[in-house]
C-alpha atoms as a PDB file:
ATOM      1  CA  MET A   1     -35.700  52.011  -2.644  1.00  0.00           C
ATOM      2  CA  ILE A   2     -35.295  56.693  -2.526  1.00  0.00           C
ATOM      3  CA  TYR A   3     -33.841  55.863  -6.363  1.00  0.00           C
ATOM      4  CA  TRP A   4     -36.877  54.045  -7.921  1.00  0.00           C
ATOM      5  CA  LEU A   5     -39.217  56.457  -5.743  1.00  0.00           C
ATOM      6  CA  TYR A   6     -37.427  59.803  -7.093  1.00  0.00           C
ATOM      7  CA  ALA A   7     -37.487  58.377 -10.923  1.00  0.00           C
ATOM      8  CA  GLN A   8     -41.272  57.612 -10.399  1.00  0.00           C
ATOM      9  CA  LEU A   9     -41.448  61.080  -9.683  1.00  0.00           C
ATOM     10  CA  LEU A  10     -39.951  62.223 -12.040  1.00  0.00           C
ATOM     11  CA  ARG A  11     -41.880  60.010 -14.779  1.00  0.00           C
ATOM     12  CA  ARG A  12     -45.272  61.270 -13.624  1.00  0.00           C
ATOM     13  CA  GLN A  13     -43.954  65.221 -13.833  1.00  0.00           C
ATOM     14  CA  ILE A  14     -43.191  64.329 -17.923  1.00  0.00           C
ATOM     15  CA  VAL A  15     -45.580  65.060 -20.430  1.00  0.00           C
ATOM     16  CA  ASP A  16     -43.861  66.740 -23.382  1.00  0.00           C
ATOM     17  CA  LEU A  17     -40.968  65.187 -24.933  1.00  0.00           C
ATOM     18  CA  PRO A  18     -38.504  66.274 -27.536  1.00  0.00           C
ATOM     19  CA  GLU A  19     -38.247  64.786 -30.296  1.00  0.00           C
ATOM     20  CA  GLN A  20     -34.719  64.780 -31.159  1.00  0.00           C
ATOM     21  CA  VAL A  21     -32.031  64.745 -28.383  1.00  0.00           C
ATOM     22  CA  CYS A  22     -28.351  64.931 -28.884  1.00  0.00           C
ATOM     23  CA  PHE A  23     -25.559  64.063 -26.060  1.00  0.00           C
ATOM     24  CA  MET A  24     -22.147  65.346 -26.720  1.00  0.00           C
ATOM     25  CA  ILE A  25     -18.946  63.212 -24.494  1.00  0.00           C
ATOM     26  CA  SER A  26     -16.018  63.208 -25.098  1.00  0.00           C
ATOM     27  CA  GLY A  27     -14.588  60.187 -26.089  1.00  0.00           C
ATOM     28  CA  GLU A  28     -12.243  60.260 -22.998  1.00  0.00           C
ATOM     29  CA  ASP A  29     -14.909  60.478 -21.233  1.00  0.00           C
ATOM     30  CA  LEU A  30     -16.842  57.420 -22.983  1.00  0.00           C
ATOM     31  CA  ALA A  31     -13.820  54.715 -22.952  1.00  0.00           C
ATOM     32  CA  GLY A  32     -14.622  54.456 -18.869  1.00  0.00           C
ATOM     33  CA  ALA A  33     -18.259  53.843 -19.562  1.00  0.00           C
ATOM     34  CA  PRO A  34     -19.125  52.611 -23.562  1.00  0.00           C
ATOM     35  CA  GLU A  35     -22.108  50.821 -21.725  1.00  0.00           C
ATOM     36  CA  SER A  36     -24.080  54.086 -21.231  1.00  0.00           C
ATOM     37  CA  LEU A  37     -24.912  54.770 -24.844  1.00  0.00           C
ATOM     38  CA  PHE A  38     -27.013  51.121 -24.453  1.00  0.00           C
ATOM     39  CA  ALA A  39     -28.386  52.908 -20.896  1.00  0.00           C
ATOM     40  CA  VAL A  40     -28.958  56.123 -21.748  1.00  0.00           C
ATOM     41  CA  THR A  41     -31.347  54.825 -25.705  1.00  0.00           C
ATOM     42  CA  SER A  42     -33.161  52.601 -22.983  1.00  0.00           C
ATOM     43  CA  TRP A  43     -33.958  54.920 -21.047  1.00  0.00           C
ATOM     44  CA  CYS A  44     -35.239  56.993 -23.912  1.00  0.00           C
ATOM     45  CA  ASN A  45     -37.225  53.883 -24.757  1.00  0.00           C
ATOM     46  CA  ALA A  46     -38.385  53.736 -21.528  1.00  0.00           C
ATOM     47  CA  ILE A  47     -39.745  57.278 -21.234  1.00  0.00           C
ATOM     48  CA  SER A  48     -40.887  57.374 -24.609  1.00  0.00           C
ATOM     49  CA  ALA A  49     -42.966  54.326 -23.669  1.00  0.00           C
ATOM     50  CA  TYR A  50     -44.188  55.819 -20.554  1.00  0.00           C
ATOM     51  CA  VAL A  51     -45.445  58.859 -22.051  1.00  0.00           C
ATOM     52  CA  THR A  52     -47.331  58.003 -25.381  1.00  0.00           C
ATOM     53  CA  ALA A  53     -49.348  55.688 -22.693  1.00  0.00           C
ATOM     54  CA  HIS A  54     -49.644  57.908 -19.954  1.00  0.00           C
ATOM     55  CA  GLY A  55     -49.179  61.377 -21.338  1.00  0.00           C
ATOM     56  CA  PRO A  56     -52.212  64.176 -22.915  1.00  0.00           C
ATOM     57  CA  ALA A  57     -53.436  62.923 -26.446  1.00  0.00           C
ATOM     58  CA  GLY A  58     -51.271  63.346 -29.367  1.00  0.00           C
ATOM     59  CA  ALA A  59     -48.058  62.531 -26.859  1.00  0.00           C
ATOM     60  CA  HIS A  60     -45.051  61.449 -28.491  1.00  0.00           C
ATOM     61  CA  GLY A  61     -41.899  59.676 -27.739  1.00  0.00           C
ATOM     62  CA  ILE A  62     -37.720  60.518 -28.624  1.00  0.00           C
ATOM     63  CA  ARG A  63     -38.301  59.977 -32.454  1.00  0.00           C
ATOM     64  CA  HIS A  64     -34.489  61.236 -32.643  1.00  0.00           C
ATOM     65  CA  LEU A  65     -31.152  60.343 -30.489  1.00  0.00           C
ATOM     66  CA  MET A  66     -28.019  61.300 -31.123  1.00  0.00           C
ATOM     67  CA  PHE A  67     -24.375  60.476 -29.702  1.00  0.00           C
ATOM     68  CA  HIS A  68     -21.482  63.087 -30.623  1.00  0.00           C
ATOM     69  CA  ILE A  69     -18.608  61.526 -29.275  1.00  0.00           C
ATOM     70  CA  ALA A  70     -15.021  63.738 -29.675  1.00  0.00           C
ATOM     71  CA  ALA A  71     -12.674  61.843 -30.169  1.00  0.00           C
ATOM     72  CA  PRO A  72      -8.993  63.218 -32.250  1.00  0.00           C
ATOM     73  CA  ASP A  73      -9.486  60.125 -34.616  1.00  0.00           C
ATOM     74  CA  PRO A  74     -12.695  58.892 -35.440  1.00  0.00           C
ATOM     75  CA  GLU A  75     -11.106  55.166 -37.545  1.00  0.00           C
ATOM     76  CA  GLN A  76      -9.410  54.172 -33.745  1.00  0.00           C
ATOM     77  CA  ILE A  77     -13.187  53.231 -32.432  1.00  0.00           C
ATOM     78  CA  ASP A  78     -12.568  49.562 -32.475  1.00  0.00           C
ATOM     79  CA  SER A  79     -13.074  49.318 -28.795  1.00  0.00           C
ATOM     80  CA  LEU A  80     -16.575  50.725 -28.525  1.00  0.00           C
ATOM     81  CA  LEU A  81     -17.365  48.888 -31.672  1.00  0.00           C
ATOM     82  CA  PRO A  82     -19.237  46.107 -29.056  1.00  0.00           C
ATOM     83  CA  ALA A  83     -21.192  49.076 -27.011  1.00  0.00           C
ATOM     84  CA  ILE A  84     -22.635  50.929 -30.608  1.00  0.00           C
ATOM     85  CA  ARG A  85     -23.688  47.524 -32.063  1.00  0.00           C
ATOM     86  CA  LYS A  86     -25.757  46.977 -29.117  1.00  0.00           C
ATOM     87  CA  ILE A  87     -27.507  49.611 -29.169  1.00  0.00           C
ATOM     88  CA  GLY A  88     -29.166  47.745 -32.500  1.00  0.00           C
ATOM     89  CA  THR A  89     -30.520  44.933 -30.177  1.00  0.00           C
ATOM     90  CA  ILE A  90     -32.878  48.132 -28.827  1.00  0.00           C
ATOM     91  CA  ALA A  91     -33.539  50.709 -31.624  1.00  0.00           C
ATOM     92  CA  HIS A  92     -32.361  51.594 -35.119  1.00  0.00           C
ATOM     93  CA  VAL A  93     -28.194  52.337 -35.051  1.00  0.00           C
ATOM     94  CA  SER A  94     -26.084  54.274 -37.528  1.00  0.00           C
ATOM     95  CA  LEU A  95     -22.391  55.148 -37.124  1.00  0.00           C
ATOM     96  CA  HIS A  96     -20.915  57.853 -38.839  1.00  0.00           C
ATOM     97  CA  ALA A  97     -16.814  56.844 -37.711  1.00  0.00           C
ATOM     98  CA  GLY A  98     -14.082  58.849 -40.164  1.00  0.00           C
ATOM     99  CA  SER A  99     -15.240  56.824 -43.153  1.00  0.00           C
ATOM    100  CA  ARG A 100     -16.818  53.781 -41.570  1.00  0.00           C
ATOM    101  CA  GLU A 101     -20.436  54.039 -41.431  1.00  0.00           C
ATOM    102  CA  GLU A 102     -22.396  50.805 -40.115  1.00  0.00           C
ATOM    103  CA  THR A 103     -26.676  50.302 -39.670  1.00  0.00           C
ATOM    104  CA  GLY A 104     -28.454  48.233 -38.028  1.00  0.00           C
ATOM    105  CA  GLY A 105     -31.389  47.410 -35.646  1.00  0.00           C
ATOM    106  CA  SER A 106     -34.909  48.435 -35.824  1.00  0.00           C
ATOM    107  CA  GLY A 107     -36.890  51.348 -33.553  1.00  0.00           C
ATOM    108  CA  MET A 108     -35.574  54.777 -32.648  1.00  0.00           C
ATOM    109  CA  ASP A 109     -33.824  56.355 -34.772  1.00  0.00           C
ATOM    110  CA  VAL A 110     -29.785  56.358 -33.099  1.00  0.00           C
ATOM    111  CA  VAL A 111     -26.665  58.108 -34.870  1.00  0.00           C
ATOM    112  CA  VAL A 112     -23.502  57.733 -33.696  1.00  0.00           C
ATOM    113  CA  ALA A 113     -20.691  60.389 -35.087  1.00  0.00           C
ATOM    114  CA  VAL A 114     -17.589  60.083 -33.938  1.00  0.00           C
ATOM    115  CA  GLY A 115     -15.133  62.917 -34.403  1.00  0.00           C
ATOM    116  CA  LYS A 116     -17.469  64.682 -36.787  1.00  0.00           C
ATOM    117  CA  SER A 117     -16.839  68.714 -37.325  1.00  0.00           C
ATOM    118  CA  GLY A 118     -19.375  71.278 -37.853  1.00  0.00           C
ATOM    119  CA  ARG A 119     -17.308  73.028 -39.779  1.00  0.00           C
ATOM    120  CA  GLU A 120     -16.393  70.126 -41.538  1.00  0.00           C
ATOM    121  CA  GLU A 121     -20.057  69.458 -42.068  1.00  0.00           C
ATOM    122  CA  ILE A 122     -20.631  72.821 -43.544  1.00  0.00           C
ATOM    123  CA  THR A 123     -17.162  72.634 -45.969  1.00  0.00           C
ATOM    124  CA  GLU A 124     -18.451  69.190 -47.305  1.00  0.00           C
ATOM    125  CA  CYS A 125     -22.317  70.835 -48.048  1.00  0.00           C
ATOM    126  CA  ILE A 126     -20.678  73.672 -49.857  1.00  0.00           C
ATOM    127  CA  ARG A 127     -18.498  71.606 -51.025  1.00  0.00           C
ATOM    128  CA  LYS A 128     -21.358  68.896 -52.588  1.00  0.00           C
ATOM    129  CA  MET A 129     -23.757  72.107 -54.498  1.00  0.00           C
ATOM    130  CA  ALA A 130     -20.275  73.532 -56.215  1.00  0.00           C
ATOM    131  CA  ARG A 131     -20.239  70.028 -57.432  1.00  0.00           C
ATOM    132  CA  ASP A 132     -23.416  69.837 -58.388  1.00  0.00           C
ATOM    133  CA  ASN A 133     -23.436  73.289 -60.135  1.00  0.00           C
ATOM    134  CA  VAL A 134     -26.640  75.277 -57.814  1.00  0.00           C
ATOM    135  CA  PRO A 135     -26.937  78.133 -58.698  1.00  0.00           C
ATOM    136  CA  PRO A 136     -25.971  80.759 -56.234  1.00  0.00           C
ATOM    137  CA  GLU A 137     -29.162  82.926 -56.438  1.00  0.00           C
ATOM    138  CA  THR A 138     -31.185  79.262 -55.594  1.00  0.00           C
ATOM    139  CA  VAL A 139     -29.453  78.626 -52.167  1.00  0.00           C
ATOM    140  CA  ASP A 140     -31.536  79.638 -49.198  1.00  0.00           C
ATOM    141  CA  GLU A 141     -31.996  78.256 -45.598  1.00  0.00           C
ATOM    142  CA  LYS A 142     -33.469  75.060 -47.127  1.00  0.00           C
ATOM    143  CA  VAL A 143     -31.042  73.713 -49.987  1.00  0.00           C
ATOM    144  CA  ILE A 144     -28.315  74.726 -47.178  1.00  0.00           C
ATOM    145  CA  GLU A 145     -30.071  72.146 -45.130  1.00  0.00           C
ATOM    146  CA  SER A 146     -30.804  69.378 -47.913  1.00  0.00           C
ATOM    147  CA  TYR A 147     -26.756  69.283 -48.265  1.00  0.00           C
ATOM    148  CA  LEU A 148     -26.108  68.474 -44.726  1.00  0.00           C
ATOM    149  CA  THR A 149     -25.165  64.972 -43.550  1.00  0.00           C
ATOM    150  CA  PHE A 150     -27.317  65.454 -40.685  1.00  0.00           C
ATOM    151  CA  GLN A 151     -30.706  66.879 -41.952  1.00  0.00           C
ATOM    152  CA  TYR A 152     -32.596  66.943 -38.107  1.00  0.00           C
ATOM    153  CA  ALA A 153     -32.299  69.304 -35.670  1.00  0.00           C
ATOM    154  CA  PRO A 154     -31.740  68.175 -31.834  1.00  0.00           C
ATOM    155  CA  ASP A 155     -34.788  70.336 -29.796  1.00  0.00           C
ATOM    156  CA  VAL A 156     -31.929  69.454 -27.076  1.00  0.00           C
ATOM    157  CA  VAL A 157     -28.395  69.521 -26.738  1.00  0.00           C
ATOM    158  CA  ILE A 158     -26.758  67.390 -23.653  1.00  0.00           C
ATOM    159  CA  LYS A 159     -22.867  68.364 -22.552  1.00  0.00           C
ATOM    160  CA  SER A 160     -22.267  66.175 -19.407  1.00  0.00           C
ATOM    161  CA  GLY A 161     -18.919  66.671 -17.511  1.00  0.00           C
ATOM    162  CA  GLY A 162     -18.933  70.185 -17.575  1.00  0.00           C
ATOM    163  CA  ASP A 163     -19.605  73.391 -19.997  1.00  0.00           C
ATOM    164  CA  HIS A 164     -17.582  73.071 -22.898  1.00  0.00           C
ATOM    165  CA  LEU A 165     -19.316  72.472 -26.592  1.00  0.00           C
ATOM    166  CA  THR A 166     -17.831  71.341 -29.597  1.00  0.00           C
ATOM    167  CA  ASP A 167     -18.792  72.914 -33.161  1.00  0.00           C
ATOM    168  CA  PHE A 168     -20.725  69.798 -33.967  1.00  0.00           C
ATOM    169  CA  LEU A 169     -24.167  70.435 -35.612  1.00  0.00           C
ATOM    170  CA  ILE A 170     -23.454  73.815 -35.285  1.00  0.00           C
ATOM    171  CA  TRP A 171     -26.255  74.857 -37.945  1.00  0.00           C
ATOM    172  CA  GLN A 172     -28.273  72.426 -36.857  1.00  0.00           C
ATOM    173  CA  SER A 173     -28.350  73.376 -33.035  1.00  0.00           C
ATOM    174  CA  VAL A 174     -28.453  77.344 -33.580  1.00  0.00           C
ATOM    175  CA  TYR A 175     -32.229  77.183 -31.849  1.00  0.00           C
ATOM    176  CA  SER A 176     -31.747  74.086 -29.554  1.00  0.00           C
ATOM    177  CA  GLU A 177     -32.215  74.041 -25.388  1.00  0.00           C
ATOM    178  CA  LEU A 178     -28.453  73.382 -24.141  1.00  0.00           C
ATOM    179  CA  PHE A 179     -27.714  71.264 -21.010  1.00  0.00           C
ATOM    180  CA  PHE A 180     -24.964  71.398 -18.883  1.00  0.00           C
ATOM    181  CA  SER A 181     -24.823  68.497 -16.426  1.00  0.00           C
ATOM    182  CA  ASP A 182     -21.926  69.091 -13.930  1.00  0.00           C
ATOM    183  CA  VAL A 183     -21.796  64.829 -13.414  1.00  0.00           C
ATOM    184  CA  ASN A 184     -19.246  63.077 -15.750  1.00  0.00           C
ATOM    185  CA  TRP A 185     -20.503  60.714 -18.241  1.00  0.00           C
ATOM    186  CA  ALA A 186     -19.310  57.980 -16.628  1.00  0.00           C
ATOM    187  CA  HIS A 187     -22.083  58.638 -13.411  1.00  0.00           C
ATOM    188  CA  PHE A 188     -25.032  60.292 -15.495  1.00  0.00           C
ATOM    189  CA  ARG A 189     -28.377  58.318 -14.230  1.00  0.00           C
ATOM    190  CA  GLU A 190     -31.003  57.830 -15.207  1.00  0.00           C
ATOM    191  CA  VAL A 191     -32.804  60.272 -12.501  1.00  0.00           C
ATOM    192  CA  ASP A 192     -30.175  62.939 -14.345  1.00  0.00           C
ATOM    193  CA  PHE A 193     -31.692  62.790 -17.498  1.00  0.00           C
ATOM    194  CA  LEU A 194     -35.265  62.790 -16.415  1.00  0.00           C
ATOM    195  CA  ARG A 195     -34.653  66.067 -14.394  1.00  0.00           C
ATOM    196  CA  ILE A 196     -33.735  67.491 -18.221  1.00  0.00           C
ATOM    197  CA  LEU A 197     -36.478  66.525 -19.739  1.00  0.00           C
ATOM    198  CA  ARG A 198     -38.442  67.512 -17.230  1.00  0.00           C
ATOM    199  CA  ASP A 199     -36.960  70.932 -17.244  1.00  0.00           C
ATOM    200  CA  TYR A 200     -37.114  71.311 -20.885  1.00  0.00           C
ATOM    201  CA  GLN A 201     -40.659  71.081 -20.749  1.00  0.00           C
ATOM    202  CA  ALA A 202     -40.937  74.022 -18.683  1.00  0.00           C
ATOM    203  CA  ARG A 203     -38.670  76.409 -21.349  1.00  0.00           C
ATOM    204  CA  VAL A 204     -39.917  78.978 -23.436  1.00  0.00           C
ATOM    205  CA  ARG A 205     -38.722  77.670 -26.828  1.00  0.00           C
ATOM    206  CA  ARG A 206     -38.292  81.281 -29.115  1.00  0.00           C
ATOM    207  CA  PHE A 207     -36.285  80.018 -32.063  1.00  0.00           C
ATOM    208  CA  GLY A 208     -34.142  83.184 -32.636  1.00  0.00           C
ATOM    209  CA  LYS A 209     -37.211  85.119 -32.377  1.00  0.00           C
END
């Protein structure tokens, strides 16, 4: 009962949601709680519905959710597939895991990227531009971003279970707000997520200025 009341209190304090949220999770942590992918997705849907219904005029929900799973072999994810595919029952999910790509469902966009490296993404971006014979003098930030695999920048990057980040989205997350939770993935609760969203709206984003 106390937990429910606290969650309700936190919801009422949130009026400005990030449009794009990224969770960074180790493969080891996720293996212990794969069902949390679905839980977090449902929390995003719930707080989005609450804010758009009760927030100020023009309030928006979370439009893009991304899970980055740090794993040495992205092809070895068979044990996680049921949990990933379950997301498709409440959202539109896209899986990127080595050579494996899947999509399904409808609703909020959810990307699950397994074992992806920011350095690898930028390297592949340069290769694509070279194959397309892009003139060097025309290359600017917008051109580079058009060749990236993931073309939206997260407003919030959340790392559970410590402060070690990978280089995933190294280009896109340069101006993201970073949140480190001491709670590991298996024990990450909705109130932990709501506290991050509450604290996010209090930050002043400078975008490098």
